[in-house]
């Protein structure tokens, strides 16, 4: 190929903008496209020459190297082509990248052909909401989910034709799934309006499914729930979505997890939070109490001098982490209870305790207690 200056090939100045370079290439590509100049070797040569020039000048880095070193930077040597820079396998690829895949190729029958009939699509995936208790999420469980999904027709078994009749090749597109429309010297391919890209038509449709090959059916699916799932997470059950035609795979079933509130525990990530009612002597003196967990009772040590609202931590007593990576913690909020009713002995003991701290409990006229300290 001629080693003409690339700027000269496109007919632009050396300070031309990227948009000016692209516009110049588009003009030349239309003018010299081989489909428009069939049998004209000179036109095909100029088409390739313009593509080579654009391939270099449209790339900022390649253009800078070309401006500095000329054709020596392109790796084309004296033989032209797309050598050292690569980028496109041939000028037609470059042309398609600019004008789109809808246009035909060039070169006397070497262009793009119809893509053929559309293959049967995989079945659609489905989504359901799966509500679980916190206990279920802790232990893991298996749940039965009822849903209505599209199944292969029980009469035609998805063949779509009545009494075993088979689909016929679409006469509009000849089974290609596409039809070509000429616009100037271009050929634009669109989905066949008759068969909708399938390449076949159902001339004698199955009556129960009306030729769709499907029917709705209610089924029950078993969903295995691993320990540690949380609200907002999604489980995928492979192959339990809707059926696909022509042997294509089923879709999947996606279960959106929702964990119901628990009466005793609050969940925060992998940790659990609970409250524990304790008496003043227990926090003042310190003690060990039993606390409920999902695996039974465990001992919780309450240090002497603990206060109401203080949080104690039980490690590895929270929720399991997904994929078996340990467990969260259990945080226990201490709530010191104040007794509302006391018998005579209890009142006497509390008065003695107050006196030991140098405080006097004064009774009101009704014989009750109030918290004014003297």
Protein backbone atom coordinates (compact mmCIF):
# COMPACT_ATOMS: atom_id res chain seq x y z
CA UNK A 1 0.00 0.00 0.00
CA UNK A 2 1.17 3.56 -0.74
CA UNK A 3 3.03 5.31 2.03
CA UNK A 4 1.21 8.58 1.57
CA UNK A 5 1.02 10.81 4.60
CA UNK A 6 -1.97 9.78 6.71
CA UNK A 7 -3.18 13.35 7.04
CA UNK A 8 -3.04 13.66 3.28
CA UNK A 9 -4.96 10.41 2.87
CA UNK A 10 -7.83 11.75 4.98
CA UNK A 11 -7.53 15.25 3.61
CA UNK A 12 -7.10 16.95 6.99
CA UNK A 13 -4.49 19.22 8.50
CA UNK A 14 -1.97 18.02 11.10
CA UNK A 15 -3.76 19.96 13.83
CA UNK A 16 -7.17 18.50 12.95
CA UNK A 17 -9.40 17.55 15.87
CA UNK A 18 -10.50 14.00 16.58
CA UNK A 19 -13.99 14.83 15.34
CA UNK A 20 -12.62 16.27 12.08
CA UNK A 21 -10.54 13.11 11.53
CA UNK A 22 -13.55 10.89 12.16
CA UNK A 23 -15.75 12.95 9.85
CA UNK A 24 -13.15 12.77 7.06
CA UNK A 25 -12.84 9.02 7.42
CA UNK A 26 -16.61 8.51 7.33
CA UNK A 27 -16.82 10.47 4.10
CA UNK A 28 -14.09 8.44 2.41
CA UNK A 29 -15.42 5.13 3.75
CA UNK A 30 -18.81 5.79 2.22
CA UNK A 31 -17.29 6.92 -1.06
CA UNK A 32 -14.90 4.00 -1.57
CA UNK A 33 -16.74 1.16 0.18
CA UNK A 34 -16.32 -1.99 -2.00
CA UNK A 35 -20.04 -2.76 -1.85
CA UNK A 36 -20.59 0.50 -3.69
CA UNK A 37 -17.70 -0.04 -6.06
CA UNK A 38 -17.82 -3.74 -6.79
CA UNK A 39 -14.98 -4.87 -9.01
CA UNK A 40 -13.12 -1.57 -8.61
CA UNK A 41 -9.74 -2.53 -7.15
CA UNK A 42 -8.61 1.09 -6.90
CA UNK A 43 -11.65 1.97 -4.76
CA UNK A 44 -10.98 -0.97 -2.48
CA UNK A 45 -7.36 0.11 -2.18
CA UNK A 46 -8.39 3.64 -1.17
CA UNK A 47 -10.93 2.20 1.30
CA UNK A 48 -8.20 0.23 3.02
CA UNK A 49 -5.81 3.18 2.89
CA UNK A 50 -8.36 5.44 4.60
CA UNK A 51 -9.01 2.78 7.24
CA UNK A 52 -5.29 2.48 7.97
CA UNK A 53 -4.93 6.24 8.29
CA UNK A 54 -7.91 6.53 10.59
CA UNK A 55 -6.76 3.59 12.71
CA UNK A 56 -3.57 5.49 13.52
CA UNK A 57 -4.79 9.10 13.72
CA UNK A 58 -7.89 8.29 15.81
CA UNK A 59 -5.73 6.95 18.62
CA UNK A 60 -4.05 9.66 20.69
CA UNK A 61 -0.93 7.63 21.52
CA UNK A 62 -0.49 6.20 18.03
CA UNK A 63 -0.97 9.64 16.49
CA UNK A 64 1.69 11.16 18.73
CA UNK A 65 4.18 8.46 17.74
CA UNK A 66 3.29 8.88 14.07
CA UNK A 67 3.77 12.65 14.30
CA UNK A 68 7.23 12.08 15.76
CA UNK A 69 8.53 9.15 13.74
CA UNK A 70 6.28 8.97 10.69
CA UNK A 71 5.54 5.59 9.11
CA UNK A 72 8.46 4.01 10.94
CA UNK A 73 6.35 4.21 14.10
CA UNK A 74 3.48 2.22 12.62
CA UNK A 75 5.36 -1.01 12.06
CA UNK A 76 3.95 -1.09 8.54
CA UNK A 77 7.38 -0.95 6.92
CA UNK A 78 6.92 -0.61 3.22
CA UNK A 79 4.08 -3.08 2.97
CA UNK A 80 1.26 -1.11 4.55
CA UNK A 81 -1.40 -2.96 6.48
CA UNK A 82 -2.09 -2.81 10.20
CA UNK A 83 1.24 -4.28 11.36
CA UNK A 84 2.76 -2.96 14.56
CA UNK A 85 -0.24 -1.09 15.91
CA UNK A 86 -2.82 -3.80 15.39
CA UNK A 87 -6.21 -2.66 16.67
CA UNK A 88 -8.45 -4.05 13.91
CA UNK A 89 -8.13 -7.29 12.01
CA UNK A 90 -9.15 -5.68 8.73
CA UNK A 91 -10.67 -2.44 7.36
CA UNK A 92 -14.16 -3.88 7.45
CA UNK A 93 -13.88 -4.36 11.25
CA UNK A 94 -12.96 -0.71 11.57
CA UNK A 95 -15.84 0.28 9.33
CA UNK A 96 -18.26 -1.77 11.45
CA UNK A 97 -16.94 -0.19 14.64
CA UNK A 98 -17.82 3.24 13.25
CA UNK A 99 -21.09 2.52 11.49
CA UNK A 100 -22.37 -0.43 13.51
CA UNK A 101 -22.81 -4.15 13.11
CA UNK A 102 -26.05 -3.74 11.20
CA UNK A 103 -24.28 -2.99 7.93
CA UNK A 104 -23.14 -5.64 5.52
CA UNK A 105 -19.54 -6.36 4.68
CA UNK A 106 -17.69 -5.94 1.45
CA UNK A 107 -15.76 -7.92 -1.05
CA UNK A 108 -18.17 -9.70 -3.36
CA UNK A 109 -20.09 -11.90 -0.96
CA UNK A 110 -17.58 -11.88 1.87
CA UNK A 111 -19.73 -9.73 4.13
CA UNK A 112 -21.84 -10.66 7.15
CA UNK A 113 -24.52 -13.23 6.74
CA UNK A 114 -27.74 -13.69 8.69
CA UNK A 115 -27.13 -14.95 12.16
CA UNK A 116 -29.49 -17.83 11.70
CA UNK A 117 -32.59 -18.66 13.70
CA UNK A 118 -32.62 -17.57 17.30
CA UNK A 119 -31.88 -20.42 19.67
CA UNK A 120 -34.52 -21.29 22.20
CA UNK A 121 -33.97 -19.05 25.20
CA UNK A 122 -33.25 -20.37 28.64
CA UNK A 123 -36.27 -20.37 30.93
CA UNK A 124 -36.94 -17.25 32.97
CA UNK A 125 -35.71 -17.00 36.53
CA UNK A 126 -38.15 -16.39 39.36
CA UNK A 127 -38.00 -14.52 42.66
CA UNK A 128 -39.87 -15.24 45.88
CA UNK A 129 -39.71 -13.84 49.40
CA UNK A 130 -38.68 -16.33 52.08
CA UNK A 131 -39.56 -15.29 55.62
CA UNK A 132 -37.64 -17.06 58.38
CA UNK A 133 -37.49 -16.98 62.16
CA UNK A 134 -34.24 -15.97 63.82
CA UNK A 135 -33.93 -19.55 65.10
CA UNK A 136 -34.14 -20.86 61.52
CA UNK A 137 -31.44 -18.43 60.46
CA UNK A 138 -29.27 -19.54 63.39
CA UNK A 139 -29.53 -23.27 62.80
CA UNK A 140 -30.18 -23.43 59.08
CA UNK A 141 -33.25 -25.17 57.79
CA UNK A 142 -35.09 -26.58 54.80
CA UNK A 143 -38.22 -24.72 53.71
CA UNK A 144 -40.96 -25.69 51.30
CA UNK A 145 -41.83 -22.89 48.91
CA UNK A 146 -45.00 -22.98 46.85
CA UNK A 147 -45.02 -21.09 43.57
CA UNK A 148 -46.66 -21.00 40.17
CA UNK A 149 -44.25 -21.29 37.29
CA UNK A 150 -44.24 -22.00 33.59
CA UNK A 151 -43.83 -25.69 32.74
CA UNK A 152 -43.71 -27.53 29.44
CA UNK A 153 -47.19 -28.20 28.13
CA UNK A 154 -48.42 -31.60 29.27
CA UNK A 155 -50.14 -32.18 25.93
CA UNK A 156 -47.43 -31.33 23.39
CA UNK A 157 -44.46 -31.60 25.80
CA UNK A 158 -43.21 -28.25 24.58
CA UNK A 159 -43.29 -29.17 20.89
CA UNK A 160 -46.02 -26.50 20.40
CA UNK A 161 -47.68 -28.33 17.49
CA UNK A 162 -50.97 -30.20 17.58
CA UNK A 163 -50.93 -34.01 17.39
CA UNK A 164 -47.17 -34.17 17.06
CA UNK A 165 -46.93 -31.69 14.16
CA UNK A 166 -43.61 -29.92 13.96
CA UNK A 167 -42.78 -26.24 13.39
CA UNK A 168 -42.25 -25.21 9.79
CA UNK A 169 -39.45 -23.08 8.41
CA UNK A 170 -40.50 -19.45 8.27
CA UNK A 171 -41.19 -18.51 4.66
CA UNK A 172 -40.49 -14.83 5.28
CA UNK A 173 -36.89 -15.17 6.42
CA UNK A 174 -36.15 -18.66 5.11
CA UNK A 175 -35.36 -19.88 8.60
CA UNK A 176 -32.67 -17.23 9.22
CA UNK A 177 -34.63 -15.35 11.84
CA UNK A 178 -33.71 -12.08 10.14
CA UNK A 179 -34.77 -10.17 7.08
CA UNK A 180 -32.57 -7.79 5.07
CA UNK A 181 -33.64 -4.35 3.97
CA UNK A 182 -31.57 -2.39 1.49
CA UNK A 183 -30.81 1.24 2.17
CA UNK A 184 -28.60 2.60 -0.56
CA UNK A 185 -25.64 0.28 -0.87
CA UNK A 186 -26.07 -1.00 2.70
CA UNK A 187 -28.06 -4.00 3.80
CA UNK A 188 -29.69 -3.65 7.24
CA UNK A 189 -30.80 -6.83 8.98
CA UNK A 190 -33.73 -6.81 11.38
CA UNK A 191 -35.60 -9.48 13.32
CA UNK A 192 -38.13 -11.28 11.17
CA UNK A 193 -41.58 -9.83 11.95
CA UNK A 194 -43.34 -13.14 11.28
CA UNK A 195 -41.35 -15.63 13.37
CA UNK A 196 -39.84 -13.06 15.77
CA UNK A 197 -36.35 -14.37 15.14
CA UNK A 198 -37.08 -18.06 15.75
CA UNK A 199 -36.75 -19.10 12.11
CA UNK A 200 -39.84 -21.33 12.41
CA UNK A 201 -43.59 -20.83 12.65
CA UNK A 202 -46.31 -22.96 14.25
CA UNK A 203 -48.97 -23.61 11.62
CA UNK A 204 -51.02 -26.12 13.63
CA UNK A 205 -50.69 -25.00 17.25
CA UNK A 206 -51.39 -27.18 20.27
CA UNK A 207 -54.76 -26.10 21.65
CA UNK A 208 -54.15 -26.30 25.42
CA UNK A 209 -51.04 -24.09 25.25
CA UNK A 210 -52.04 -22.22 22.08
CA UNK A 211 -48.73 -23.01 20.49
CA UNK A 212 -46.59 -21.50 23.25
CA UNK A 213 -45.36 -24.88 24.50
CA UNK A 214 -46.00 -23.87 28.12
CA UNK A 215 -48.63 -24.07 30.81
CA UNK A 216 -48.76 -22.61 34.31
CA UNK A 217 -48.42 -25.10 37.12
CA UNK A 218 -48.25 -24.75 40.92
CA UNK A 219 -45.35 -26.64 42.46
CA UNK A 220 -43.55 -26.95 45.80
CA UNK A 221 -39.80 -26.46 45.92
CA UNK A 222 -37.51 -27.41 48.79
CA UNK A 223 -35.06 -24.64 49.63
CA UNK A 224 -32.03 -25.41 51.80
CA UNK A 225 -31.22 -22.42 53.99
CA UNK A 226 -27.66 -22.32 55.37
CA UNK A 227 -26.98 -21.09 58.92
CA UNK A 228 -26.26 -17.38 59.21
CA UNK A 229 -28.45 -15.92 56.46
CA UNK A 230 -29.75 -12.42 57.05
CA UNK A 231 -32.44 -10.07 55.78
CA UNK A 232 -31.61 -8.67 52.35
CA UNK A 233 -29.56 -11.65 51.25
CA UNK A 234 -30.63 -13.81 48.33
CA UNK A 235 -30.41 -17.57 47.89
CA UNK A 236 -30.15 -19.08 44.43
CA UNK A 237 -31.74 -22.45 43.73
CA UNK A 238 -30.29 -23.50 40.41
CA UNK A 239 -32.63 -24.90 37.78
CA UNK A 240 -35.87 -24.29 39.69
CA UNK A 241 -37.13 -21.39 37.61
CA UNK A 242 -39.34 -21.62 34.55
CA UNK A 243 -38.86 -24.25 31.86
CA UNK A 244 -37.19 -23.47 28.53
CA UNK A 245 -38.18 -24.73 25.10
CA UNK A 246 -36.21 -26.98 22.80
CA UNK A 247 -34.12 -28.57 25.50
CA UNK A 248 -32.82 -25.25 26.78
CA UNK A 249 -32.06 -25.01 30.47
CA UNK A 250 -34.47 -23.94 33.16
CA UNK A 251 -34.10 -20.60 34.81
CA UNK A 252 -33.16 -20.28 38.48
CA UNK A 253 -35.19 -19.54 41.59
CA UNK A 254 -34.01 -16.63 43.75
CA UNK A 255 -35.22 -16.42 47.34
CA UNK A 256 -35.06 -13.00 49.01
CA UNK A 257 -34.47 -13.56 52.73
CA UNK A 258 -36.46 -11.75 55.40
CA UNK A 259 -35.85 -12.51 59.09
CA UNK A 260 -38.80 -11.96 61.43
CA UNK A 261 -38.24 -9.95 64.64
CA UNK A 262 -37.45 -12.03 67.74
CA UNK A 263 -38.99 -11.47 71.15
CA UNK A 264 -35.73 -11.87 73.04
CA UNK A 265 -32.84 -11.13 70.71
CA UNK A 266 -32.00 -8.27 68.39
CA UNK A 267 -29.64 -9.02 65.52
CA UNK A 268 -26.93 -6.67 64.31
CA UNK A 269 -24.91 -8.31 61.59
CA UNK A 270 -23.52 -11.52 63.06
CA UNK A 271 -23.97 -10.34 66.65
CA UNK A 272 -26.97 -10.77 68.93
CA UNK A 273 -28.15 -8.33 71.58
CA UNK A 274 -30.38 -9.07 74.56
CA UNK A 275 -31.37 -7.52 77.88
CA UNK A 276 -31.02 -9.16 81.30
CA UNK A 277 -32.98 -8.04 84.34
CA UNK A 278 -30.85 -8.18 87.51
CA UNK A 279 -31.27 -7.07 91.11
CA UNK A 280 -29.18 -4.50 92.96
CA UNK A 281 -27.50 -7.11 95.18
CA UNK A 282 -26.45 -9.10 92.08
CA UNK A 283 -24.66 -6.19 90.46
CA UNK A 284 -23.35 -4.85 93.77
CA UNK A 285 -21.89 -8.14 94.96
CA UNK A 286 -21.25 -9.77 91.59
CA UNK A 287 -22.59 -13.17 90.65
CA UNK A 288 -22.93 -15.75 87.89
CA UNK A 289 -26.30 -16.21 86.21
CA UNK A 290 -27.63 -18.47 83.50
CA UNK A 291 -28.71 -16.85 80.26
CA UNK A 292 -30.68 -18.39 77.41
CA UNK A 293 -29.14 -18.85 73.96
CA UNK A 294 -30.29 -20.77 70.88
CA UNK A 295 -28.13 -23.67 72.02
CA UNK A 296 -29.31 -23.75 75.61
CA UNK A 297 -28.26 -21.97 78.77
CA UNK A 298 -24.77 -20.56 79.30
CA UNK A 299 -23.16 -18.95 82.34
CA UNK A 300 -22.70 -15.18 82.40
CA UNK A 301 -20.41 -13.69 85.03
CA UNK A 302 -21.57 -10.34 86.34
CA UNK A 303 -18.64 -8.48 87.93
CA UNK A 304 -19.17 -6.84 91.30
CA UNK A 305 -19.98 -3.16 90.95
CA UNK A 306 -21.67 -3.46 87.56
CA UNK A 307 -24.15 -0.72 86.69
CA UNK A 308 -27.52 -0.65 85.02
CA UNK A 309 -27.06 -0.30 81.25
CA UNK A 310 -23.61 -1.87 81.27
CA UNK A 311 -22.97 -4.31 78.40
CA UNK A 312 -21.32 -7.67 78.92
CA UNK A 313 -19.98 -9.75 76.04
CA UNK A 314 -20.20 -13.48 75.46
CA UNK A 315 -17.83 -14.38 72.67
CA UNK A 316 -18.87 -16.80 69.91
CA UNK A 317 -22.47 -16.92 71.18
CA UNK A 318 -23.95 -14.90 68.31
CA UNK A 319 -25.06 -15.88 64.80
CA UNK A 320 -23.06 -18.29 62.66
CA UNK A 321 -21.22 -16.60 59.83
CA UNK A 322 -22.00 -17.85 56.37
CA UNK A 323 -19.67 -20.50 54.94
CA UNK A 324 -18.61 -21.65 58.40
CA UNK A 325 -16.29 -18.78 59.28
CA UNK A 326 -16.95 -18.69 63.01
CA UNK A 327 -19.71 -16.90 64.89
CA UNK A 328 -20.56 -13.47 66.14
CA UNK A 329 -20.89 -12.48 69.79
CA UNK A 330 -23.78 -12.09 72.22
CA UNK A 331 -24.01 -8.72 73.97
CA UNK A 332 -26.01 -8.61 77.21
CA UNK A 333 -27.38 -5.27 78.43
CA UNK A 334 -27.83 -5.26 82.22
CA UNK A 335 -31.03 -3.69 83.47
CA UNK A 336 -31.16 -3.27 87.27
CA UNK A 337 -34.72 -3.67 88.47
CA UNK A 338 -36.13 -1.53 91.28
CA UNK A 339 -38.67 -3.47 93.37
CA UNK A 340 -42.08 -1.86 93.59
CA UNK A 341 -43.28 -3.80 96.63
CA UNK A 342 -41.25 -4.71 99.70
CA UNK A 343 -42.20 -6.63 102.81
CA UNK A 344 -41.28 -5.45 106.31
CA UNK A 345 -38.09 -7.48 106.50
CA UNK A 346 -36.86 -6.20 103.15
CA UNK A 347 -37.58 -2.60 104.15
CA UNK A 348 -35.65 -3.05 107.37
CA UNK A 349 -32.68 -4.53 105.55
CA UNK A 350 -32.61 -1.66 103.05
CA UNK A 351 -32.78 0.89 105.85
CA UNK A 352 -29.81 -0.77 107.53
CA UNK A 353 -27.94 -0.80 104.21
CA UNK A 354 -28.62 2.91 103.72
CA UNK A 355 -27.48 3.61 107.27
CA UNK A 356 -24.24 1.74 106.62
CA UNK A 357 -23.55 4.27 103.84
CA UNK A 358 -24.30 7.13 106.24
CA UNK A 359 -27.69 7.83 104.69
CA UNK A 360 -31.10 8.05 106.36
CA UNK A 361 -34.30 7.03 104.60
CA UNK A 362 -37.13 9.34 105.66
CA UNK A 363 -40.71 8.10 105.43
CA UNK A 364 -43.51 10.24 104.07
CA UNK A 365 -46.80 10.70 105.87
CA UNK A 366 -48.31 7.70 104.09
CA UNK A 367 -45.60 5.44 105.35
CA UNK A 368 -43.90 5.07 101.99
CA UNK A 369 -40.34 5.71 100.97
CA UNK A 370 -38.88 8.47 98.85
CA UNK A 371 -35.40 9.02 97.59
CA UNK A 372 -34.47 12.16 99.48
CA UNK A 373 -31.23 11.46 101.31
CA UNK A 374 -30.09 13.35 104.39
